[in-house]
Protein backbone atom coordinates (compact mmCIF):
# COMPACT_ATOMS: atom_id res chain seq x y z
CA MET A 1 -11.46 -5.12 43.15
CA ASN A 2 -13.95 -7.31 41.47
CA SER A 3 -16.37 -4.52 40.93
CA GLN A 4 -13.60 -2.44 39.56
CA ARG A 5 -12.99 -4.86 37.13
CA THR A 6 -16.17 -5.13 35.88
CA LEU A 7 -16.09 -1.52 35.76
CA ASN A 8 -13.27 -1.15 33.55
CA HIS A 9 -13.22 -2.02 29.80
CA PRO A 10 -11.88 -4.58 28.24
CA LEU A 11 -8.71 -2.69 27.08
CA ARG A 12 -8.45 0.13 29.31
CA LEU A 13 -5.92 -1.45 31.25
CA ALA A 14 -3.52 -2.47 27.56
CA LEU A 15 -4.42 0.78 26.37
CA ALA A 16 -3.11 2.59 29.49
CA GLY A 17 0.00 0.67 29.18
CA GLU A 18 0.55 2.31 26.16
CA MET A 19 1.92 5.95 27.63
CA HIS A 20 4.80 3.23 29.63
CA ALA A 21 5.36 1.10 27.09
CA ARG A 22 9.47 0.65 25.85
CA PRO A 23 10.92 2.77 28.39
CA PHE A 24 14.12 4.41 27.82
CA LEU A 25 16.76 1.81 29.47
CA ARG A 26 18.41 3.66 32.58
CA ILE A 27 22.12 3.95 32.10
CA GLU A 28 24.54 5.59 34.34
CA PRO A 29 28.33 5.98 33.53
CA PRO A 30 30.97 4.06 33.56
CA GLU A 31 29.02 1.48 31.28
CA ARG A 32 29.18 -0.15 27.97
CA VAL A 33 26.09 -0.75 25.79
CA LEU A 34 26.05 -3.25 23.01
CA HIS A 35 23.38 -2.64 20.49
CA LEU A 36 22.10 -5.59 17.57
CA ALA A 37 19.55 -5.09 14.88
CA LEU A 38 18.16 -8.39 13.56
CA PHE A 39 16.57 -7.75 10.13
CA ALA A 40 13.99 -11.02 9.23
CA GLY A 41 11.39 -9.32 7.18
CA ASP A 42 7.81 -10.01 8.14
CA ALA A 43 9.09 -13.29 9.80
CA LEU A 44 7.88 -12.38 13.23
CA ASP A 45 8.26 -15.96 14.55
CA ARG A 46 12.05 -15.60 13.86
CA HIS A 47 12.28 -12.68 16.30
CA HIS A 48 11.06 -14.38 18.93
CA ALA A 49 12.75 -17.67 18.36
CA TRP A 50 15.81 -15.52 18.88
CA LEU A 51 15.32 -14.01 21.75
CA GLY A 52 13.56 -17.35 23.05
CA GLU A 53 17.05 -19.28 22.25
CA LEU A 54 18.67 -16.65 24.47
CA CYS A 55 16.60 -16.86 27.35
CA GLU A 56 17.19 -20.51 27.17
CA CYS A 57 20.80 -20.43 27.61
CA PHE A 58 20.30 -18.68 31.00
CA GLY A 59 17.23 -20.56 32.13
CA VAL A 60 15.06 -17.27 31.98
CA SER A 61 11.29 -17.32 30.84
CA ALA A 62 10.96 -16.28 27.45
CA PRO A 63 8.37 -13.62 26.97
CA GLN A 64 4.51 -14.50 25.41
CA HIS A 65 4.57 -14.72 21.56
CA GLY A 66 3.49 -11.35 20.02
CA ALA A 67 5.09 -9.30 22.95
CA SER A 68 6.81 -6.40 21.62
CA TYR A 69 8.94 -5.33 24.52
CA PHE A 70 11.05 -7.44 27.27
CA PHE A 71 13.32 -6.63 29.87
CA HIS A 72 15.48 -8.51 31.84
CA ASP A 73 18.63 -8.36 34.04
CA PHE A 74 20.90 -11.35 33.31
CA GLY A 75 23.51 -10.57 36.00
CA PRO A 76 26.47 -10.15 33.25
CA TRP A 77 23.98 -7.56 31.72
CA ARG A 78 21.19 -6.56 31.34
CA LEU A 79 18.71 -7.00 28.18
CA LYS A 80 16.45 -4.73 26.68
CA TRP A 81 14.53 -6.19 23.27
CA GLU A 82 12.14 -4.39 21.16
CA ASN A 83 10.01 -5.58 17.87
CA HIS A 84 9.81 -3.33 15.50
CA SER A 85 8.24 -5.70 12.97
CA GLU A 86 10.64 -6.17 9.81
CA PHE A 87 13.67 -6.08 12.60
CA SER A 88 14.22 -6.18 16.01
CA THR A 89 16.61 -4.55 18.48
CA TYR A 90 18.93 -6.25 21.53
CA THR A 91 20.38 -3.45 23.85
CA PHE A 92 23.37 -4.97 26.27
CA ALA A 93 24.24 -2.67 29.26
CA PHE A 94 27.59 -3.82 30.33
CA ARG A 95 29.19 -2.15 33.65
CA GLY A 96 32.70 -0.37 32.68
CA ASP A 97 36.05 0.87 34.35
CA GLY A 98 34.82 4.36 32.66
CA SER A 99 38.25 4.54 30.70
CA GLY A 100 36.19 4.81 27.47
CA ASP A 101 38.43 2.42 25.71
CA PHE A 102 36.84 0.52 22.98
CA ALA A 103 39.42 -2.60 23.23
CA ASP A 104 36.84 -4.88 25.05
CA ASP A 105 35.10 -6.94 22.87
CA LEU A 106 31.45 -7.17 24.07
CA LEU A 107 30.05 -9.95 21.25
CA ARG A 108 32.66 -12.43 23.33
CA ARG A 109 30.81 -12.01 26.51
CA LEU A 110 27.74 -13.09 24.90
CA PRO A 111 26.75 -16.91 24.48
CA GLN A 112 28.73 -17.92 20.95
CA ALA A 113 26.19 -20.54 20.14
CA TRP A 114 23.53 -18.03 20.01
CA LEU A 115 25.35 -15.49 17.79
CA GLY A 116 26.33 -18.22 15.44
CA GLN A 117 22.25 -18.59 14.80
CA LEU A 118 22.04 -14.77 13.94
CA ALA A 119 24.93 -15.48 10.69
CA GLY A 120 23.50 -13.21 8.24
CA ASN A 121 20.66 -11.57 9.84
CA VAL A 122 22.66 -8.44 11.58
CA ILE A 123 21.88 -5.24 9.96
CA SER A 124 23.35 -3.26 12.49
CA ALA A 125 26.00 -3.50 15.29
CA ALA A 126 26.76 -0.75 17.42
CA GLN A 127 29.22 -0.75 20.58
CA LEU A 128 28.50 2.43 22.95
CA ALA A 129 31.03 3.78 25.67
CA PHE A 130 29.21 6.23 27.87
CA VAL A 131 31.71 7.86 30.24
CA SER A 132 31.41 10.61 32.67
CA ALA A 133 33.59 13.78 31.51
CA GLY A 134 34.25 15.58 34.78
CA GLY A 135 32.26 18.77 33.27
CA GLN A 136 35.07 18.97 31.10
CA PRO A 137 34.09 19.11 27.53
CA LEU A 138 36.49 17.23 24.99
CA ALA A 139 38.12 18.83 22.38
CA ALA A 140 38.29 17.50 18.75
CA SER A 141 41.75 17.82 18.64
CA ASP A 142 42.56 15.93 21.34
CA PRO A 143 45.14 12.96 20.62
CA TRP A 144 43.16 10.37 23.04
CA LEU A 145 40.29 10.82 20.67
CA ARG A 146 41.97 9.38 18.08
CA THR A 147 43.30 6.62 19.91
CA GLN A 148 39.36 5.38 20.13
CA PHE A 149 38.58 5.72 16.14
CA SER A 150 40.56 4.68 13.29
CA GLY A 151 38.38 6.39 10.74
CA PRO A 152 39.94 9.75 8.48
CA LEU A 153 36.96 11.48 9.95
CA ILE A 154 35.04 11.56 13.48
CA ALA A 155 31.83 13.37 13.90
CA GLY A 156 30.78 14.79 17.18
CA ALA A 157 28.30 17.63 18.67
CA ARG A 158 26.98 18.50 22.05
CA VAL A 159 23.96 17.34 22.20
CA MET A 160 20.98 17.52 24.69
CA ALA A 161 22.57 20.57 26.92
CA GLY A 162 24.67 18.50 28.83
CA GLY A 163 26.32 15.36 26.78
CA GLU A 164 28.73 15.03 23.48
CA VAL A 165 28.71 12.30 21.05
CA TRP A 166 31.54 11.14 18.90
CA SER A 167 31.64 8.87 16.16
CA ASP A 168 33.40 7.68 12.67
CA PHE A 169 30.38 5.76 11.50
CA LEU A 170 32.96 2.87 10.45
CA VAL A 171 32.48 -0.97 10.72
CA GLN A 172 35.23 -1.77 12.70
CA PRO A 173 37.18 -5.54 11.95
CA ASP A 174 35.04 -6.77 15.08
CA GLY A 175 32.35 -6.35 13.12
CA VAL A 176 30.67 -2.92 15.41
CA SER A 177 30.81 0.92 15.15
CA ARG A 178 31.92 2.49 17.99
CA PHE A 179 30.03 5.88 19.60
CA LEU A 180 31.45 7.39 22.62
CA LEU A 181 29.21 9.53 24.61
CA ARG A 182 30.60 11.83 27.20
CA ASP A 183 28.05 13.11 30.05
CA VAL A 184 29.38 16.40 30.79
CA GLY A 185 26.06 18.03 32.56
CA LEU A 186 23.34 15.37 32.11
CA ARG A 187 20.51 15.45 34.19
CA GLU A 188 18.79 12.15 35.69
CA PHE A 189 17.26 9.82 33.15
CA GLN A 190 18.95 11.76 29.88
CA ALA A 191 21.56 9.05 29.48
CA GLY A 192 19.11 6.70 28.68
CA ARG A 193 17.21 8.70 26.52
CA LEU A 194 20.58 9.80 24.92
CA SER A 195 21.95 6.23 24.29
CA GLN A 196 18.80 5.37 22.64
CA ARG A 197 18.14 8.29 20.28
CA VAL A 198 22.02 7.73 19.14
CA LEU A 199 21.61 3.74 18.82
CA GLU A 200 18.05 4.56 16.77
CA ILE A 201 19.69 6.49 14.72
CA ASP A 202 22.48 4.13 13.66
CA THR A 203 19.81 1.05 13.08
CA TYR A 204 17.46 3.00 10.97
CA ARG A 205 20.61 4.82 8.81
CA MET A 206 20.83 1.07 7.82
CA MET A 207 17.04 0.35 7.49
CA ALA A 208 16.52 2.97 5.46
CA LEU A 209 19.62 2.39 3.04
CA LEU A 210 18.70 -1.06 2.29
CA ALA A 211 16.71 1.03 -0.50
CA LEU A 212 19.91 2.08 -2.38
CA PRO A 213 20.35 -1.71 -3.73
CA VAL A 214 17.14 -1.97 -4.83
CA ALA A 215 17.56 1.54 -6.85
CA ARG A 216 20.69 0.72 -8.37
CA GLU A 217 18.83 -2.27 -9.36
CA CYS A 218 15.97 -0.45 -10.94
CA GLN A 219 17.67 2.13 -12.54
CA PRO A 220 18.62 0.46 -16.00
CA VAL A 221 15.36 -1.29 -16.74
CA ILE A 222 12.54 0.46 -14.09
CA ARG A 223 10.22 -2.74 -13.78
CA GLU A 224 8.49 -4.40 -11.64
CA ALA A 225 7.37 -0.80 -9.83
CA GLU A 226 4.53 -2.10 -7.77
CA ALA A 227 6.92 -4.52 -6.04
CA ASP A 228 9.57 -2.45 -4.86
CA ASN A 229 7.25 0.63 -3.95
CA TYR A 230 6.93 -0.84 -0.54
CA ARG A 231 10.48 -0.84 0.27
CA PHE A 232 11.13 2.96 -1.00
CA SER A 233 8.09 4.05 1.11
CA ALA A 234 9.82 2.35 3.89
CA SER A 235 13.53 3.96 3.40
CA ALA A 236 11.48 7.19 3.24
CA ALA A 237 9.99 6.49 6.71
CA TYR A 238 13.19 5.15 8.10
CA PHE A 239 14.83 8.46 7.05
CA SER A 240 12.14 10.83 8.57
CA ILE A 241 13.09 9.02 11.82
CA ILE A 242 16.90 9.51 11.53
CA ARG A 243 15.89 13.41 11.22
CA ALA A 244 13.66 13.53 13.83
CA ARG A 245 15.66 11.80 16.36
CA LEU A 246 19.00 14.51 15.08
CA GLN A 247 16.90 17.19 15.72
CA GLU A 248 16.30 15.63 19.60
CA LEU A 249 19.56 15.98 20.24
CA ARG A 250 19.65 19.69 20.04
CA GLU A 251 23.49 19.36 18.74
CA GLU A 252 25.82 22.43 19.12
CA ARG A 253 29.10 22.95 16.90
CA ILE A 254 32.19 21.34 18.09
CA GLU A 255 35.06 23.13 16.22
CA GLY A 256 37.12 21.37 13.98
CA VAL A 257 34.56 18.44 13.48
CA PRO A 258 31.31 18.35 11.52
CA THR A 259 27.91 17.24 13.96
CA LEU A 260 26.28 14.05 13.62
CA GLY A 261 23.82 15.95 11.25
CA GLU A 262 26.09 17.32 8.98
CA PHE A 263 28.09 13.99 8.78
CA MET A 264 24.36 12.18 7.77
CA GLU A 265 23.54 15.43 5.68
CA ARG A 266 26.82 15.02 3.31
CA ARG A 267 26.75 10.99 3.25
CA LEU A 268 23.29 9.36 3.85
CA VAL A 269 21.07 11.89 2.08
CA PRO A 270 22.51 11.84 -1.28
CA ALA A 271 21.57 8.07 -1.38
CA MET A 272 18.01 8.88 -0.19
CA GLU A 273 17.43 11.60 -2.82
CA PHE A 274 18.67 8.89 -5.14
CA CYS A 275 16.08 6.02 -4.02
CA GLU A 276 13.45 8.88 -4.08
CA SER A 277 14.40 10.08 -7.64
CA VAL A 278 13.98 6.36 -9.02
CA ARG A 279 10.65 6.22 -6.83
CA ARG A 280 9.57 9.00 -8.76
CA ARG A 281 10.75 7.39 -12.04
CA GLN A 282 8.66 4.76 -11.20
CA HIS A 283 5.11 6.40 -10.43
CA GLU A 284 5.73 8.34 -13.90
CA LEU A 285 6.16 5.47 -15.55
CA ILE A 286 3.00 3.98 -13.85
CA GLU A 287 1.34 6.90 -14.26
CA ARG A 288 2.12 6.89 -18.37
CA LEU A 289 0.94 3.15 -18.34
CA SER A 290 -2.36 4.33 -17.14
CA ARG A 291 -3.08 6.75 -19.36
CA THR A 292 -1.80 4.37 -22.41
CA ASP A 293 -4.24 2.14 -20.93
CA SER A 294 -6.82 4.67 -20.86
CA LEU A 295 -6.33 5.68 -24.02
CA LEU A 296 -6.26 2.11 -25.43
CA ARG A 297 -10.00 1.22 -23.56
CA THR A 298 -11.14 4.44 -25.36
CA ARG A 299 -10.33 3.33 -28.55
CA VAL A 300 -11.84 -0.08 -27.75
CA THR A 301 -14.97 0.96 -26.67
CA MET A 302 -15.22 3.61 -29.59
CA THR A 303 -15.15 1.02 -32.05
CA GLN A 304 -17.41 -1.34 -29.91
CA GLU A 305 -20.03 1.61 -30.42
CA ARG A 306 -19.35 2.18 -34.20
CA TYR A 307 -20.10 -1.34 -34.31
CA ASN A 308 -23.17 -1.70 -32.53
CA SER A 309 -24.68 1.86 -34.06
CA ALA A 310 -24.22 -0.17 -37.28
CA ILE A 311 -26.21 -3.37 -36.07
CA LEU A 312 -28.66 -0.92 -34.75
CA ALA A 313 -28.69 0.83 -37.69
CA SER A 314 -29.23 -2.55 -39.81
CA LEU A 315 -31.82 -3.40 -37.88
CA ASN A 316 -33.84 -0.24 -38.35
CA LYS A 317 -33.67 -1.29 -41.58
CA ARG A 318 -34.63 -4.75 -41.40
CA ALA A 319 -37.70 -3.52 -38.90
CA GLU A 320 -38.88 -0.90 -41.98
CA LEU A 321 -38.74 -3.57 -44.87
CA GLN A 322 -40.97 -5.60 -42.55
CA LEU A 323 -43.13 -2.88 -41.86
CA ARG A 324 -43.67 -2.49 -45.38
CA LEU A 325 -44.02 -5.86 -46.13
CA GLN A 326 -46.85 -5.92 -43.27
CA HIS A 327 -48.65 -2.93 -44.83
CA ALA A 328 -48.91 -4.85 -48.51
CA VAL A 329 -49.77 -7.92 -47.21
CA GLU A 330 -52.68 -6.38 -45.18
CA GLY A 331 -53.55 -4.61 -48.56
CA PHE A 332 -53.66 -8.10 -50.35
CA SER A 333 -55.29 -9.83 -47.73
CA ILE A 334 -58.36 -7.13 -47.75
CA VAL A 335 -58.78 -7.36 -51.43
CA ALA A 336 -58.76 -10.98 -50.77
CA ILE A 337 -61.31 -11.55 -47.85
CA SER A 338 -63.73 -9.09 -49.87
CA TYR A 339 -63.29 -10.80 -53.28
CA TYR A 340 -64.52 -14.37 -51.17
CA LEU A 341 -67.31 -12.53 -49.40
CA LEU A 342 -68.60 -10.68 -52.74
CA GLY A 343 -68.19 -14.17 -54.07
CA VAL A 344 -70.13 -15.89 -51.48
CA LEU A 345 -72.85 -12.87 -51.85
CA GLY A 346 -73.09 -13.40 -55.59
CA TYR A 347 -73.72 -16.68 -54.96
CA GLY A 348 -76.80 -16.12 -52.59
CA LEU A 349 -78.07 -13.46 -54.54
CA LYS A 350 -78.15 -16.08 -57.44
CA ALA A 351 -80.20 -18.81 -55.43
CA LEU A 352 -82.48 -15.84 -54.60
CA GLY A 353 -83.27 -15.32 -58.25
CA LYS A 354 -83.89 -18.97 -58.84
CA LEU A 355 -86.57 -18.75 -56.40
CA GLY A 356 -88.54 -16.14 -57.73
CA VAL A 357 -87.28 -13.18 -55.84
CA PRO A 358 -86.80 -10.45 -57.99
CA VAL A 359 -83.26 -9.28 -57.73
CA GLU A 360 -80.32 -8.78 -59.91
CA ALA A 361 -77.46 -10.63 -58.63
CA GLU A 362 -74.88 -8.96 -60.49
CA LEU A 363 -76.08 -5.26 -60.20
CA ALA A 364 -76.58 -6.31 -56.47
CA THR A 365 -73.16 -7.49 -55.86
CA GLY A 366 -71.36 -4.34 -57.63
CA LEU A 367 -73.19 -2.56 -55.36
CA ALA A 368 -72.40 -4.13 -52.38
CA LEU A 369 -68.59 -4.09 -53.24
CA PRO A 370 -68.03 -0.20 -51.41
CA LEU A 371 -69.83 -1.45 -49.00
CA VAL A 372 -67.56 -5.39 -48.32
CA VAL A 373 -64.20 -3.78 -48.94
CA GLY A 374 -65.10 -1.11 -46.14
CA ALA A 375 -66.41 -3.47 -43.89
CA VAL A 376 -63.22 -5.64 -44.35
CA TRP A 377 -60.64 -2.75 -43.61
CA PHE A 378 -62.68 -1.71 -40.52
CA ALA A 379 -62.35 -5.40 -39.59
CA VAL A 380 -58.93 -5.87 -40.14
CA ARG A 381 -57.60 -2.20 -38.36
CA ARG A 382 -59.78 -3.26 -35.42
CA ALA A 383 -58.34 -6.54 -34.71
CA GLN A 384 -54.75 -5.18 -35.39
CA ARG A 385 -55.29 -2.75 -32.82
CA ALA A 386 -56.55 -4.94 -30.26
CA LEU A 387 -53.65 -7.53 -30.89
CA HIS A 388 -51.33 -4.49 -30.36
CA ARG A 389 -52.99 -3.71 -26.98
CA ARG A 390 -52.40 -7.01 -25.70
CA HIS A 391 -48.62 -6.97 -27.48
CA PRO A 392 -47.72 -3.27 -26.93
CA SER A 393 -43.87 -4.40 -27.27
CA GLU A 394 -44.40 -5.84 -31.05
CA ASP A 395 -46.00 -2.75 -32.44
CA PRO A 396 -43.77 -1.86 -34.99
CA ALA A 397 -42.19 1.58 -34.58
CA PRO A 398 -41.08 3.67 -37.29
CA ALA A 399 -37.67 3.44 -38.23
CA PRO A 400 -35.11 5.89 -36.18
CA ALA A 401 -32.57 8.09 -37.61
CA ALA A 402 -29.20 7.03 -38.51
CA SER A 403 -26.66 7.68 -35.07
CA SER A 404 -24.61 10.28 -35.84
CA SER A 405 -21.94 8.32 -33.82
């Protein structure tokens, strides 16, 4: 056994368990189901705190912090708890008498002190009555059906090739909406799947509509677009889940009433399209702001480039003036050095004449003038080349042409 454990990757068992995570709650008629969805946003600690307090009421150990699924048989009912980041769901399964009557208030069977702590956080509450139909479909005109729902319009459909779903999608005075499921010919485990799909549709419907008030608030003045984008994206995701769940039901029309999908398309789709239109306006506004910002940046960049070009042109003019001044100073320096050298040479020749050497001092000085000037010019140019080789960056370059920008 130990050798097998050492062979396993540390995540192998956890990853293998994902195939069996969140199993369907097994339901058999007659049975009642109460489904609560609690919304707390990103406050994950509140989800686990609520579950822990419920378990404490019955002396049951709560799951570890961070768990996303929990199931336990509490005796009076079975509980299936799931965490979905933004919200958590509590599915309570009660044994019924098979009448399909919703008169029994299932909320009264739960700890009232615990329910009091949920005030303001229940986003969806649904009571599901699952009964056996004995293989007989229910007609939309059946008078008994009207006694179960108070709404003027009842939606129903035959689903999963053996089940029926009925609901008016209204919140009753007790704060719970009603769904009637009838087993006409469902196979094993289909009842649990059907119940979960119907309850998920109701929960995700409410989660998707959370964006509707936001859309209405944003309609007059679309502002703080980035802060509201998450709500719209989440709403679109929930709406996609609703459509996927409706497709899995494989509805068949019952004459006289709209199917669940038609009811959703008529009531929910316009709200979702309105949210989508506001989201598109937000994106268009963001794109316009982005283009305006790009244009402003371009104008600022062009202004800076023109300013830099003017500075470079001014520097080029200064460099050109310095170069001309340097050439002028260079010419004066050659003349001055030559003058002083010829003066020294004249003094020397005159001294030789005093000593009796037959030399015409003035004539010799005049003949030496071009030689001295040439030698001085050559020496100055050579010194400049040597200096430029040591410091090439200081070599004065010719003035460039004015920038075209």
